[in-house]
C-alpha atoms as a PDB file:
ATOM      1  CA  MET A   1       8.365   4.667   1.004  1.00  0.00           C
ATOM      2  CA  GLN A   2       9.675   1.405   2.446  1.00  0.00           C
ATOM      3  CA  ARG A   3       9.824   2.914   5.925  1.00  0.00           C
ATOM      4  CA  LEU A   4       6.148   3.912   5.679  1.00  0.00           C
ATOM      5  CA  LEU A   5       5.180   0.604   4.128  1.00  0.00           C
ATOM      6  CA  LYS A   6       6.795  -1.384   6.945  1.00  0.00           C
ATOM      7  CA  ASP A   7       4.307   0.165   9.379  1.00  0.00           C
ATOM      8  CA  HIS A   8       1.387  -1.237   7.364  1.00  0.00           C
ATOM      9  CA  LEU A   9       2.595  -4.830   7.135  1.00  0.00           C
ATOM     10  CA  VAL A  10       1.079  -7.500   9.368  1.00  0.00           C
ATOM     11  CA  GLU A  11       3.344 -10.388  10.365  1.00  0.00           C
ATOM     12  CA  HIS A  12       2.013 -13.969  10.385  1.00  0.00           C
ATOM     13  CA  GLN A  13       3.694 -17.172  11.564  1.00  0.00           C
ATOM     14  CA  ASP A  14       2.988 -20.479   9.840  1.00  0.00           C
ATOM     15  CA  GLY A  15       5.006 -23.053  11.702  1.00  0.00           C
ATOM     16  CA  GLU A  16       8.655 -22.126  11.182  1.00  0.00           C
ATOM     17  CA  THR A  17       7.963 -19.786   8.273  1.00  0.00           C
ATOM     18  CA  VAL A  18       6.950 -16.147   8.395  1.00  0.00           C
ATOM     19  CA  PHE A  19       4.900 -14.173   5.896  1.00  0.00           C
ATOM     20  CA  PHE A  20       3.487 -10.663   5.818  1.00  0.00           C
ATOM     21  CA  THR A  21       0.263  -9.186   4.489  1.00  0.00           C
ATOM     22  CA  ARG A  22      -0.787  -5.689   3.498  1.00  0.00           C
ATOM     23  CA  THR A  23      -4.401  -4.700   2.878  1.00  0.00           C
ATOM     24  CA  CYS A  24      -5.378  -1.989   0.391  1.00  0.00           C
ATOM     25  CA  THR A  25      -7.149   0.682   2.429  1.00  0.00           C
ATOM     26  CA  VAL A  26      -9.527   1.466  -0.440  1.00  0.00           C
ATOM     27  CA  CYS A  27     -10.697  -1.843  -1.949  1.00  0.00           C
ATOM     28  CA  GLY A  28      -9.555  -4.285   0.731  1.00  0.00           C
ATOM     29  CA  GLU A  29      -7.400  -6.408  -1.595  1.00  0.00           C
ATOM     30  CA  VAL A  30      -4.843  -8.359   0.426  1.00  0.00           C
ATOM     31  CA  TRP A  31      -1.246  -8.753  -0.722  1.00  0.00           C
ATOM     32  CA  ARG A  32       0.723 -11.632   0.776  1.00  0.00           C
ATOM     33  CA  SER A  33       4.485 -12.079   0.756  1.00  0.00           C
ATOM     34  CA  ALA A  34       6.202 -15.361   0.125  1.00  0.00           C
ATOM     35  CA  ALA A  35       6.498 -17.522   3.247  1.00  0.00           C
ATOM     36  CA  ARG A  36      10.120 -18.022   4.297  1.00  0.00           C
ATOM     37  CA  GLN A  37      12.111 -18.852   7.367  1.00  0.00           C
ATOM     38  CA  GLY A  38      13.788 -15.803   8.836  1.00  0.00           C
ATOM     39  CA  MET A  39      11.904 -13.284   6.686  1.00  0.00           C
ATOM     40  CA  ASP A  40      11.857  -9.866   8.313  1.00  0.00           C
ATOM     41  CA  ARG A  41       9.819  -6.705   7.837  1.00  0.00           C
ATOM     42  CA  GLU A  42      12.557  -5.080   5.693  1.00  0.00           C
ATOM     43  CA  GLN A  43      12.505  -7.960   3.205  1.00  0.00           C
ATOM     44  CA  ALA A  44       8.713  -7.981   3.097  1.00  0.00           C
ATOM     45  CA  ALA A  45       8.588  -4.213   2.503  1.00  0.00           C
ATOM     46  CA  ALA A  46      11.005  -4.599  -0.415  1.00  0.00           C
ATOM     47  CA  GLU A  47       8.827  -7.361  -1.847  1.00  0.00           C
ATOM     48  CA  ALA A  48       5.604  -5.372  -1.376  1.00  0.00           C
ATOM     49  CA  GLY A  49       7.103  -2.211  -2.864  1.00  0.00           C
ATOM     50  CA  GLY A  50       6.344  -3.313  -6.410  1.00  0.00           C
ATOM     51  CA  THR A  51       2.636  -3.766  -5.737  1.00  0.00           C
ATOM     52  CA  THR A  52       1.940  -1.106  -3.127  1.00  0.00           C
ATOM     53  CA  HIS A  53       1.630   2.652  -3.515  1.00  0.00           C
ATOM     54  CA  MET A  54       1.380   5.302  -0.833  1.00  0.00           C
ATOM     55  CA  CYS A  55      -1.068   8.161  -1.422  1.00  0.00           C
ATOM     56  CA  HIS A  56       0.814  11.452  -1.398  1.00  0.00           C
ATOM     57  CA  PHE A  57      -2.093  13.189   0.327  1.00  0.00           C
ATOM     58  CA  CYS A  58      -3.490  10.840   3.005  1.00  0.00           C
ATOM     59  CA  GLY A  59      -0.471   8.511   3.237  1.00  0.00           C
ATOM     60  CA  ARG A  60      -2.519   5.317   3.091  1.00  0.00           C
ATOM     61  CA  PRO A  61      -1.155   2.210   1.337  1.00  0.00           C
ATOM     62  CA  VAL A  62      -3.178   1.188  -1.720  1.00  0.00           C
ATOM     63  CA  CYS A  63      -2.935  -1.370  -4.510  1.00  0.00           C
ATOM     64  CA  GLY A  64      -2.188  -0.390  -8.105  1.00  0.00           C
ATOM     65  CA  LYS A  65      -5.891  -0.440  -9.058  1.00  0.00           C
ATOM     66  CA  CYS A  66      -6.678   2.163  -6.375  1.00  0.00           C
ATOM     67  CA  PHE A  67      -3.829   4.540  -7.265  1.00  0.00           C
ATOM     68  CA  THR A  68      -4.144   7.278  -9.873  1.00  0.00           C
ATOM     69  CA  ASP A  69      -2.729  10.592 -11.036  1.00  0.00           C
ATOM     70  CA  VAL A  70      -4.519  13.958 -10.959  1.00  0.00           C
ATOM     71  CA  GLU A  71      -2.742  16.943 -12.452  1.00  0.00           C
ATOM     72  CA  GLY A  72       0.635  15.269 -11.846  1.00  0.00           C
ATOM     73  CA  ILE A  73      -0.143  14.332  -8.232  1.00  0.00           C
ATOM     74  CA  SER A  74      -0.159  10.619  -7.343  1.00  0.00           C
ATOM     75  CA  LEU A  75      -3.143   9.857  -5.120  1.00  0.00           C
ATOM     76  CA  CYS A  76      -5.424   7.076  -3.981  1.00  0.00           C
ATOM     77  CA  VAL A  77      -8.732   7.083  -5.847  1.00  0.00           C
ATOM     78  CA  SER A  78     -10.555   8.425  -2.746  1.00  0.00           C
ATOM     79  CA  CYS A  79      -8.338  11.509  -2.470  1.00  0.00           C
ATOM     80  CA  ALA A  80      -8.343  11.908  -6.259  1.00  0.00           C
ATOM     81  CA  ALA A  81     -12.152  12.075  -6.284  1.00  0.00           C
ATOM     82  CA  ARG A  82     -12.148  14.739  -3.560  1.00  0.00           C
ATOM     83  CA  LEU A  83      -9.490  16.752  -5.400  1.00  0.00           C
ATOM     84  CA  ARG A  84     -11.444  16.566  -8.669  1.00  0.00           C
ATOM     85  CA  GLU A  85     -14.589  17.821  -6.867  1.00  0.00           C
ATOM     86  CA  ARG A  86     -12.684  20.777  -5.491  1.00  0.00           C
ATOM     87  CA  MET A  87     -11.091  21.519  -8.862  1.00  0.00           C
ATOM     88  CA  ASP A  88     -14.516  21.451 -10.547  1.00  0.00           C
ATOM     89  CA  GLY A  89     -15.787  24.008  -8.018  1.00  0.00           C
ATOM     90  CA  ILE A  90     -13.054  26.514  -8.831  1.00  0.00           C
END
């Protein structure tokens, strides 16, 4: 997951320090890493890993509030709603 998450991090410079952000693709909530000198994308991905989930269907990064489980499949709430609609039609 860290490899996928690294692609969704945005790097910001604040003087000599660096920080990264990640935006939930469902609700728009922004996560921000700590600002440190010499911080790299690997470190930021490790830090974000505890608060970020990747949908197993669409692959988008989402926050914990926008991540759910349907029939044992971990999905973002958007994909979960579509799956539930399809399951109801069966």
